Amino acid sequence: MKKYIISSYIPNSDLDADFLNAMRVYSKKNQAQLIIGECKANYVVDSEDPYQEAIKEELKDVLLVKGKKLNKNLKITEFRECINVIDPLSGLESLVAMEGSLIVPFPRHRFKVVPRNLTESLTPRAIWCTGTTSEPHYKETKSGLRMKQFHLKGALVIEILDKGIFNIRQVEWDGKGFYDLDMYYTATSAKKVKDAIIAISMGDDHTVYQDPSAMKKTKDFIAKYKIPHIIRHDTLDSASISHHVEGKYLTKSLMNYTLEEELSLTAESFKDFERSFPWAFQYAVASNHPEHLDRYLDECRYKEDYINHVLALELVYNKSIGNSPYKYSMNKFAEGLPRTMFLERKDSIKLAGIELGNHGDEGPSGARASSKSLGLSYSGKCVGAHTHSPEIGVYGNYTNGTLTFLSLPYTKDSGSSGWLNTNTIIYINGARSHHHIIPEAK
């Protein structure tokens, strides 16, 4: 396996020498090639300025001179993006669609998936921005001042698994060092830290549609790093009573589970996590799919649903006395979940300064959420889910992917998808990274 650590520099800005040296420590420790790409400065740069030449001299052994192909599906771009732009990935989707995934040298972390044809390849097509090893140096203009606050010293760790498959993680410099999994790197050392990862925010797992391979790899990861806080989204799909299939009698007749069976399967998933990770606490984030159950009860659709009618009456009674039907049914079928907290919409769960309690479907003032609105609401310090397409937004907020299969009946098995099996890990210093589960090559 070939490894790289890739960052960027701004031509007319000072380098952070400690961060650069820490990446050199990482490079030596992991036999990873260090590459530094050039951003486009927001001031006119004199090509013969001796200061600029001194920076290039310091970086000469790691400087990216032209585009570099890391494998057949991944390339570092040769063009430079202006550091003042809000979205450095704007307009690059068509290039990715034709040429494969791209890495763009840029002083922020930004990430976006481009849909691909699943019948041809499960390998993601996406665009990543690197972060930078330079100090912030922006124009005193509206765009410059706006982007300066999201300047991020960081890099990408890239693992080339074979000629077509790759994996990527983000690392963030905290002023003294950076974490990558259970290792902490400084300008002079690399040391193992057993409690480096404080939390994992899982991709939407929709129990009845879970991809067993993606879930197993997620659980293996949690066990390996002894992660103490597990954030779960859309664990109950509500497929058995969803309003999306109401009136579709043939579709409903082909369902191979009742509401009781679906609730039991979902409760067993929570119980399984409590058994598998006795050191951990899990949080069920208020999400739209479990709330389909509330809508089913509110609309009295159970009145003609003879299969689910009796159980629905039990849930209606509990809802009428203030019990959440979701929480009640999970505890009922699991026979108690002492280390699981079921969050309400108003609840917040913040760890290492990162908000983890917002699913990502509801935005400010009751509006539909977007990656941009959530990023602004939390100043980028949040991790959401909902879309099944992982993303790092323009303001630094993270979005998980999914732990389901990448094509489902309610997406009409279209064969084209921007979904990806992706979790987000949160380190004890508040740094984050996506944890992608890349499918095996077809």
Protein backbone atom coordinates (compact mmCIF):
# COMPACT_ATOMS: atom_id res chain seq x y z
CA MET A 1 0.00 0.00 0.00
CA LYS A 2 1.34 3.41 -1.03
CA LYS A 3 0.69 6.31 1.37
CA TYR A 4 0.77 10.08 0.91
CA ILE A 5 0.25 13.10 3.13
CA ILE A 6 -0.78 16.11 1.05
CA SER A 7 -1.18 19.77 2.01
CA SER A 8 -0.78 23.17 0.34
CA TYR A 9 0.98 26.51 0.74
CA ILE A 10 0.12 30.12 -0.08
CA PRO A 11 2.99 31.72 -2.09
CA ASN A 12 3.09 35.04 -0.23
CA SER A 13 2.42 33.72 3.27
CA ASP A 14 4.68 32.42 6.04
CA LEU A 15 4.87 28.67 6.54
CA ASP A 16 4.01 27.08 9.88
CA ALA A 17 7.38 25.42 10.42
CA ASP A 18 6.16 23.19 13.25
CA PHE A 19 3.29 21.80 11.19
CA LEU A 20 5.56 21.23 8.21
CA ASN A 21 8.03 19.37 10.43
CA ALA A 22 5.20 17.31 11.96
CA MET A 23 4.17 16.22 8.46
CA ARG A 24 7.79 15.25 7.81
CA VAL A 25 7.70 13.17 11.00
CA TYR A 26 4.49 11.53 9.73
CA SER A 27 6.09 10.91 6.36
CA LYS A 28 9.10 9.18 7.88
CA LYS A 29 7.11 7.18 10.44
CA ASN A 30 4.59 5.87 7.89
CA GLN A 31 6.80 5.75 4.78
CA ALA A 32 4.36 8.21 3.23
CA GLN A 33 5.31 10.66 0.50
CA LEU A 34 4.81 14.28 1.55
CA ILE A 35 3.45 16.55 -1.19
CA ILE A 36 2.77 20.31 -0.91
CA GLY A 37 0.68 21.92 -3.66
CA GLU A 38 0.50 25.63 -4.43
CA CYS A 39 -2.58 27.79 -3.90
CA LYS A 40 -3.28 30.93 -5.90
CA ALA A 41 -2.36 33.99 -3.82
CA ASN A 42 -4.82 36.84 -3.54
CA TYR A 43 -2.15 39.47 -4.10
CA VAL A 44 0.12 39.96 -7.09
CA VAL A 45 3.25 37.93 -6.44
CA ASP A 46 6.60 38.97 -7.86
CA SER A 47 8.06 35.78 -9.28
CA GLU A 48 11.56 37.05 -8.55
CA ASP A 49 10.85 38.03 -4.93
CA PRO A 50 13.66 36.44 -2.88
CA TYR A 51 11.20 35.71 -0.06
CA GLN A 52 9.05 33.59 -2.37
CA GLU A 53 12.14 31.85 -3.67
CA ALA A 54 13.17 31.06 -0.08
CA ILE A 55 9.81 29.36 0.55
CA LYS A 56 10.16 27.32 -2.62
CA GLU A 57 13.67 26.38 -1.62
CA GLU A 58 12.41 25.13 1.76
CA LEU A 59 9.71 23.05 0.03
CA LYS A 60 11.74 21.94 -2.97
CA ASP A 61 11.85 18.26 -1.97
CA VAL A 62 8.05 18.06 -1.51
CA LEU A 63 6.67 20.73 -3.88
CA LEU A 64 4.06 19.66 -6.43
CA VAL A 65 5.30 21.00 -9.76
CA LYS A 66 2.52 19.64 -11.97
CA GLY A 67 -0.54 17.40 -11.66
CA LYS A 68 0.15 13.94 -10.27
CA LYS A 69 -1.90 10.80 -10.78
CA LEU A 70 -1.94 8.66 -7.62
CA ASN A 71 -3.84 5.79 -9.23
CA LYS A 72 -6.21 5.47 -12.16
CA ASN A 73 -9.11 7.00 -10.18
CA LEU A 74 -7.37 9.77 -8.21
CA LYS A 75 -5.32 12.79 -9.26
CA ILE A 76 -3.84 15.92 -7.65
CA THR A 77 -4.82 18.88 -9.81
CA GLU A 78 -2.27 21.10 -11.50
CA PHE A 79 -4.41 24.26 -11.43
CA ARG A 80 -4.41 26.75 -8.56
CA GLU A 81 -7.59 28.07 -6.92
CA CYS A 82 -7.83 31.59 -5.44
CA ILE A 83 -7.94 31.36 -1.65
CA ASN A 84 -10.73 33.99 -1.37
CA VAL A 85 -13.48 31.98 -3.10
CA ILE A 86 -16.33 30.66 -0.98
CA ASP A 87 -16.57 27.30 -2.76
CA PRO A 88 -13.34 26.12 -4.38
CA LEU A 89 -15.12 23.08 -5.86
CA SER A 90 -17.66 25.04 -7.87
CA GLY A 91 -17.73 23.91 -11.51
CA LEU A 92 -15.38 20.93 -11.03
CA GLU A 93 -18.08 18.22 -11.06
CA SER A 94 -17.92 17.71 -14.82
CA LEU A 95 -14.14 17.31 -14.66
CA VAL A 96 -14.50 14.62 -11.99
CA ALA A 97 -17.21 12.87 -13.98
CA MET A 98 -14.83 12.55 -16.93
CA GLU A 99 -11.44 12.09 -15.26
CA GLY A 100 -12.09 10.63 -11.79
CA SER A 101 -11.56 11.97 -8.26
CA LEU A 102 -9.51 15.12 -7.68
CA ILE A 103 -7.44 16.62 -4.88
CA VAL A 104 -7.31 20.42 -4.92
CA PRO A 105 -4.58 22.30 -2.98
CA PHE A 106 -6.53 24.82 -0.89
CA PRO A 107 -6.32 26.33 2.64
CA ARG A 108 -9.49 24.63 3.89
CA HIS A 109 -10.94 21.17 4.07
CA ARG A 110 -13.81 20.85 1.61
CA PHE A 111 -15.21 17.60 0.20
CA LYS A 112 -17.99 16.69 -2.17
CA VAL A 113 -19.14 13.47 -3.86
CA VAL A 114 -20.07 13.38 -7.55
CA PRO A 115 -22.65 10.72 -8.58
CA ARG A 116 -21.27 7.68 -10.38
CA ASN A 117 -22.79 4.71 -12.20
CA LEU A 118 -22.88 1.87 -9.66
CA THR A 119 -23.10 -0.77 -12.39
CA GLU A 120 -19.63 0.27 -13.57
CA SER A 121 -17.85 1.05 -10.30
CA LEU A 122 -18.51 1.41 -6.57
CA THR A 123 -15.33 3.49 -6.21
CA PRO A 124 -16.36 7.03 -5.24
CA ARG A 125 -15.89 9.99 -7.54
CA ALA A 126 -15.25 13.01 -5.39
CA ILE A 127 -13.26 16.21 -4.82
CA TRP A 128 -11.16 16.94 -1.75
CA CYS A 129 -9.41 20.13 -0.60
CA THR A 130 -6.20 19.67 1.31
CA GLY A 131 -5.92 22.28 4.05
CA THR A 132 -2.68 24.24 4.24
CA THR A 133 0.66 24.58 6.01
CA SER A 134 0.65 28.39 5.57
CA GLU A 135 -0.35 31.15 7.94
CA PRO A 136 -3.53 33.05 6.95
CA HIS A 137 -2.87 35.93 4.55
CA TYR A 138 -6.05 37.38 3.04
CA LYS A 139 -7.12 40.66 1.50
CA GLU A 140 -8.91 43.15 3.74
CA THR A 141 -12.01 42.82 1.56
CA LYS A 142 -15.42 41.35 2.25
CA SER A 143 -14.54 38.00 0.65
CA GLY A 144 -11.10 37.93 2.26
CA LEU A 145 -12.37 38.67 5.77
CA ARG A 146 -15.16 36.14 5.34
CA MET A 147 -12.85 33.31 4.34
CA LYS A 148 -10.00 34.12 6.74
CA GLN A 149 -11.97 32.76 9.71
CA PHE A 150 -12.28 29.34 8.03
CA HIS A 151 -8.58 29.07 7.16
CA LEU A 152 -7.47 25.59 8.23
CA LYS A 153 -4.00 24.20 8.75
CA GLY A 154 -4.33 20.59 7.78
CA ALA A 155 -3.66 17.87 5.27
CA LEU A 156 -5.04 14.73 3.67
CA VAL A 157 -3.73 11.26 4.40
CA ILE A 158 -4.16 9.09 1.32
CA GLU A 159 -3.86 5.32 1.15
CA ILE A 160 -3.61 3.79 -2.31
CA LEU A 161 -4.99 0.28 -1.82
CA ASP A 162 -4.57 -0.91 -5.40
CA LYS A 163 -4.57 0.49 -8.93
CA GLY A 164 -8.19 1.67 -8.59
CA ILE A 165 -9.14 1.78 -4.89
CA PHE A 166 -8.03 4.47 -2.44
CA ASN A 167 -8.97 5.86 0.96
CA ILE A 168 -8.63 9.38 2.37
CA ARG A 169 -8.66 10.89 5.88
CA GLN A 170 -8.38 14.49 7.06
CA VAL A 171 -5.86 15.68 9.66
CA GLU A 172 -6.02 19.07 11.43
CA TRP A 173 -3.15 20.93 13.11
CA ASP A 174 -4.08 22.12 16.62
CA GLY A 175 -1.04 24.35 17.19
CA LYS A 176 1.05 21.61 18.77
CA GLY A 177 0.35 18.52 16.67
CA PHE A 178 -2.28 16.52 14.80
CA TYR A 179 -4.07 13.22 15.24
CA ASP A 180 -4.38 10.45 12.70
CA LEU A 181 -6.39 7.59 14.22
CA ASP A 182 -4.62 6.68 17.48
CA MET A 183 -1.35 8.50 16.73
CA TYR A 184 -0.40 12.10 17.58
CA TYR A 185 2.33 13.80 15.54
CA THR A 186 4.33 16.85 16.58
CA ALA A 187 7.31 18.61 15.02
CA THR A 188 9.65 16.22 16.80
CA SER A 189 7.75 13.05 17.71
CA ALA A 190 5.03 10.51 17.03
CA LYS A 191 3.26 8.85 19.93
CA LYS A 192 0.31 6.49 20.39
CA VAL A 193 -2.73 7.87 22.27
CA LYS A 194 -5.23 5.22 23.36
CA ASP A 195 -8.15 7.66 23.82
CA ALA A 196 -7.49 9.84 20.76
CA ILE A 197 -10.95 9.35 19.22
CA ILE A 198 -13.70 10.58 21.53
CA ALA A 199 -16.71 9.90 19.29
CA ILE A 200 -17.94 8.44 16.02
CA SER A 201 -20.97 9.86 14.26
CA MET A 202 -22.30 7.05 12.11
CA GLY A 203 -23.84 7.27 8.69
CA ASP A 204 -27.61 6.73 8.57
CA ASP A 205 -28.03 3.03 9.28
CA HIS A 206 -31.75 2.27 8.50
CA THR A 207 -31.69 -1.18 10.10
CA VAL A 208 -33.83 -2.97 7.52
CA TYR A 209 -31.64 -1.67 4.69
CA GLN A 210 -28.24 -1.93 6.35
CA ASP A 211 -25.27 -3.11 4.32
CA PRO A 212 -23.88 -5.86 6.61
CA SER A 213 -20.33 -5.30 5.34
CA ALA A 214 -20.40 -1.55 6.03
CA MET A 215 -21.88 -2.10 9.49
CA LYS A 216 -19.33 -4.80 10.35
CA LYS A 217 -16.42 -2.56 9.35
CA THR A 218 -17.90 0.28 11.41
CA LYS A 219 -18.23 -1.98 14.45
CA ASP A 220 -14.71 -3.32 13.95
CA PHE A 221 -13.44 0.27 13.88
CA ILE A 222 -15.29 1.18 17.10
CA ALA A 223 -13.91 -1.92 18.83
CA LYS A 224 -10.35 -1.34 17.62
CA TYR A 225 -10.15 2.23 18.93
CA LYS A 226 -12.44 1.76 21.97
CA ILE A 227 -14.56 4.77 21.00
CA PRO A 228 -16.64 5.86 24.02
CA HIS A 229 -19.42 7.88 22.33
CA ILE A 230 -21.45 6.52 19.40
CA ILE A 231 -23.85 8.84 17.56
CA ARG A 232 -26.54 7.12 15.46
CA HIS A 233 -28.92 8.57 12.87
CA ASP A 234 -32.09 7.17 11.26
CA THR A 235 -31.66 3.74 12.86
CA LEU A 236 -35.40 3.11 12.52
CA ASP A 237 -36.38 3.39 8.86
CA SER A 238 -40.18 3.07 9.43
CA ALA A 239 -40.42 1.33 6.06
CA SER A 240 -43.27 -0.89 7.31
CA ILE A 241 -45.61 2.07 7.92
CA SER A 242 -44.07 4.91 5.89
CA HIS A 243 -46.40 7.49 4.34
CA HIS A 244 -44.30 7.11 1.17
CA VAL A 245 -45.95 3.73 0.50
CA GLU A 246 -49.43 4.67 1.69
CA GLY A 247 -51.98 3.79 -0.98
CA LYS A 248 -49.48 1.61 -2.81
CA TYR A 249 -51.19 -1.67 -2.02
CA LEU A 250 -48.99 -3.98 -4.07
CA THR A 251 -45.82 -2.40 -2.66
CA LYS A 252 -47.14 -2.78 0.89
CA SER A 253 -48.23 -6.36 0.27
CA LEU A 254 -44.65 -7.23 -0.75
CA MET A 255 -43.20 -5.92 2.52
CA ASN A 256 -41.70 -8.89 4.31
CA TYR A 257 -41.98 -7.44 7.83
CA THR A 258 -44.61 -5.89 10.07
CA LEU A 259 -44.22 -2.84 12.27
CA GLU A 260 -43.55 -5.13 15.24
CA GLU A 261 -40.86 -7.00 13.33
CA GLU A 262 -39.18 -3.77 12.18
CA LEU A 263 -39.22 -2.28 15.68
CA SER A 264 -37.84 -5.52 17.09
CA LEU A 265 -35.00 -5.63 14.52
CA THR A 266 -34.10 -1.99 15.21
CA ALA A 267 -34.18 -2.47 18.99
CA GLU A 268 -31.91 -5.48 18.61
CA SER A 269 -29.42 -3.27 16.74
CA PHE A 270 -29.26 -0.90 19.74
CA LYS A 271 -28.99 -3.85 22.14
CA ASP A 272 -26.25 -5.40 20.03
CA PHE A 273 -24.20 -2.19 20.35
CA GLU A 274 -24.63 -2.20 24.13
CA ARG A 275 -23.46 -5.81 24.29
CA SER A 276 -20.59 -5.31 21.83
CA PHE A 277 -19.25 -2.06 23.35
CA PRO A 278 -19.82 -2.20 27.12
CA TRP A 279 -17.52 0.82 27.61
CA ALA A 280 -19.53 3.05 25.25
CA PHE A 281 -22.64 5.21 25.36
CA GLN A 282 -24.82 5.61 22.27
CA TYR A 283 -27.08 8.48 21.26
CA ALA A 284 -30.05 8.18 18.89
CA VAL A 285 -30.30 11.58 17.19
CA ALA A 286 -33.83 12.84 16.48
CA SER A 287 -34.22 12.11 12.76
CA ASN A 288 -36.89 12.20 10.11
CA HIS A 289 -37.30 8.44 9.56
CA PRO A 290 -38.10 7.50 13.18
CA GLU A 291 -40.54 10.43 13.14
CA HIS A 292 -42.46 8.68 10.34
CA LEU A 293 -43.80 6.52 13.18
CA ASP A 294 -45.22 9.61 14.93
CA ARG A 295 -46.83 10.72 11.68
CA TYR A 296 -48.38 7.26 11.18
CA LEU A 297 -49.94 7.50 14.64
CA ASP A 298 -51.01 11.17 14.32
CA GLU A 299 -52.78 10.50 11.02
CA CYS A 300 -54.57 7.43 12.48
CA ARG A 301 -53.45 5.35 9.53
CA TYR A 302 -53.43 2.34 11.83
CA LYS A 303 -57.26 2.35 11.96
CA GLU A 304 -57.46 0.23 8.78
CA ASP A 305 -54.07 -1.45 9.25
CA TYR A 306 -55.23 -4.72 10.80
CA ILE A 307 -51.70 -6.19 10.87
CA ASN A 308 -50.22 -3.38 12.97
CA HIS A 309 -53.39 -2.11 14.66
CA VAL A 310 -53.03 -3.49 18.20
CA LEU A 311 -49.38 -2.44 18.60
CA ALA A 312 -50.23 0.99 17.16
CA LEU A 313 -52.92 1.47 19.84
CA GLU A 314 -50.30 0.76 22.52
CA LEU A 315 -47.97 3.34 20.96
CA VAL A 316 -50.81 5.90 20.62
CA TYR A 317 -51.56 5.58 24.33
CA ASN A 318 -47.91 6.12 25.25
CA LYS A 319 -47.66 9.09 22.91
CA SER A 320 -50.77 10.59 24.55
CA ILE A 321 -49.12 10.50 27.99
CA GLY A 322 -45.90 12.09 26.75
CA ASN A 323 -43.76 9.06 25.93
CA SER A 324 -41.87 9.03 22.63
CA PRO A 325 -43.20 6.08 20.59
CA TYR A 326 -39.69 5.50 19.24
CA LYS A 327 -37.97 5.49 22.62
CA TYR A 328 -40.77 3.46 24.22
CA SER A 329 -40.77 0.77 21.52
CA MET A 330 -36.97 0.47 21.47
CA ASN A 331 -36.86 -0.08 25.24
CA LYS A 332 -39.84 -2.43 25.05
CA PHE A 333 -38.39 -4.74 22.42
CA ALA A 334 -34.80 -4.53 23.71
CA GLU A 335 -36.00 -5.07 27.28
CA GLY A 336 -34.18 -1.94 28.38
CA LEU A 337 -31.35 0.14 26.93
CA PRO A 338 -29.51 1.64 29.93
CA ARG A 339 -26.62 3.09 27.90
CA THR A 340 -28.66 4.58 25.07
CA MET A 341 -30.02 8.14 25.04
CA PHE A 342 -32.83 9.05 22.65
CA LEU A 343 -32.51 12.74 21.79
CA GLU A 344 -35.37 15.10 21.04
CA ARG A 345 -35.16 17.84 18.43
CA LYS A 346 -34.35 20.46 21.08
CA ASP A 347 -31.52 18.41 22.58
CA SER A 348 -27.85 19.13 22.02
CA ILE A 349 -24.96 16.73 22.35
CA LYS A 350 -21.64 18.53 22.13
CA LEU A 351 -18.31 16.73 22.44
CA ALA A 352 -14.87 18.40 22.09
CA GLY A 353 -16.71 21.55 20.97
CA ILE A 354 -18.51 19.82 18.08
CA GLU A 355 -22.32 19.72 17.91
CA LEU A 356 -23.46 16.15 17.13
CA GLY A 357 -27.17 16.32 17.91
CA ASN A 358 -28.54 17.80 14.68
CA HIS A 359 -29.57 15.25 12.06
CA GLY A 360 -29.31 17.75 9.23
CA ASP A 361 -32.84 17.69 7.84
CA GLU A 362 -34.26 20.73 9.63
CA GLY A 363 -32.65 24.12 9.27
CA PRO A 364 -32.97 27.54 10.92
CA SER A 365 -36.46 28.89 11.68
CA GLY A 366 -38.16 25.70 10.51
CA ALA A 367 -36.75 25.85 6.98
CA ARG A 368 -35.34 22.86 5.15
CA ALA A 369 -31.69 22.48 6.04
CA SER A 370 -28.73 22.73 3.69
CA SER A 371 -25.05 22.11 4.25
CA LYS A 372 -24.42 25.85 4.00
CA SER A 373 -27.14 26.85 6.50
CA LEU A 374 -25.99 24.27 9.04
CA GLY A 375 -22.39 25.37 8.62
CA LEU A 376 -23.36 28.96 9.36
CA SER A 377 -25.59 28.01 12.31
CA TYR A 378 -22.76 26.18 14.09
CA SER A 379 -19.78 28.13 12.67
CA GLY A 380 -18.72 24.89 10.99
CA LYS A 381 -18.42 23.03 14.33
CA CYS A 382 -21.04 20.35 13.68
CA VAL A 383 -21.51 16.88 12.20
CA GLY A 384 -24.82 15.98 10.58
CA ALA A 385 -26.23 13.25 8.39
CA HIS A 386 -29.50 12.77 6.44
CA THR A 387 -28.36 13.15 2.82
CA HIS A 388 -26.44 9.81 2.57
CA SER A 389 -23.87 11.76 0.54
CA PRO A 390 -20.94 12.72 2.78
CA GLU A 391 -19.65 16.26 2.55
CA ILE A 392 -17.41 18.83 4.18
CA GLY A 393 -19.25 22.09 3.65
CA VAL A 394 -17.84 25.45 2.63
CA TYR A 395 -17.84 26.51 6.29
CA GLY A 396 -16.13 23.35 7.53
CA ASN A 397 -19.18 21.42 8.78
CA TYR A 398 -19.16 17.65 8.24
CA THR A 399 -21.95 15.46 6.87
CA ASN A 400 -21.96 11.66 7.18
CA GLY A 401 -22.86 9.22 4.45
CA THR A 402 -24.93 6.07 4.93
CA LEU A 403 -24.45 2.51 6.17
CA THR A 404 -27.12 1.15 3.85
CA PHE A 405 -26.68 -0.36 0.43
CA LEU A 406 -25.95 2.39 -2.10
CA SER A 407 -29.12 1.74 -4.06
CA LEU A 408 -32.46 1.14 -2.33
CA PRO A 409 -36.08 0.51 -3.39
CA TYR A 410 -37.13 4.06 -2.51
CA THR A 411 -34.41 5.45 -4.78
CA LYS A 412 -35.95 3.22 -7.47
CA ASP A 413 -32.63 1.34 -7.76
CA SER A 414 -31.59 3.92 -10.33
CA GLY A 415 -28.03 2.59 -10.60
CA SER A 416 -26.53 6.09 -10.27
CA SER A 417 -25.65 7.40 -6.83
CA GLY A 418 -23.68 9.98 -4.89
CA TRP A 419 -24.09 7.97 -1.70
CA LEU A 420 -21.10 6.60 0.16
CA ASN A 421 -20.61 4.47 3.30
CA THR A 422 -19.06 7.13 5.52
CA ASN A 423 -18.86 7.89 9.25
CA THR A 424 -17.21 10.88 10.93
CA ILE A 425 -14.71 10.54 13.77
CA ILE A 426 -14.13 13.27 16.36
CA TYR A 427 -10.79 13.55 18.15
CA ILE A 428 -10.32 14.75 21.73
CA ASN A 429 -9.00 18.11 20.47
CA GLY A 430 -12.11 18.73 18.31
CA ALA A 431 -10.48 17.79 15.01
CA ARG A 432 -12.59 15.65 12.67
CA SER A 433 -12.09 13.23 9.82
CA HIS A 434 -14.33 11.19 7.59
CA HIS A 435 -14.06 7.44 7.97
CA HIS A 436 -14.90 6.11 4.51
CA ILE A 437 -15.70 2.45 3.97
CA ILE A 438 -14.62 1.94 0.39
CA PRO A 439 -16.32 -1.04 -1.33
CA GLU A 440 -14.21 -3.80 -2.81
CA ALA A 441 -13.45 -3.44 -6.49
CA LYS A 442 -16.04 -5.03 -8.79
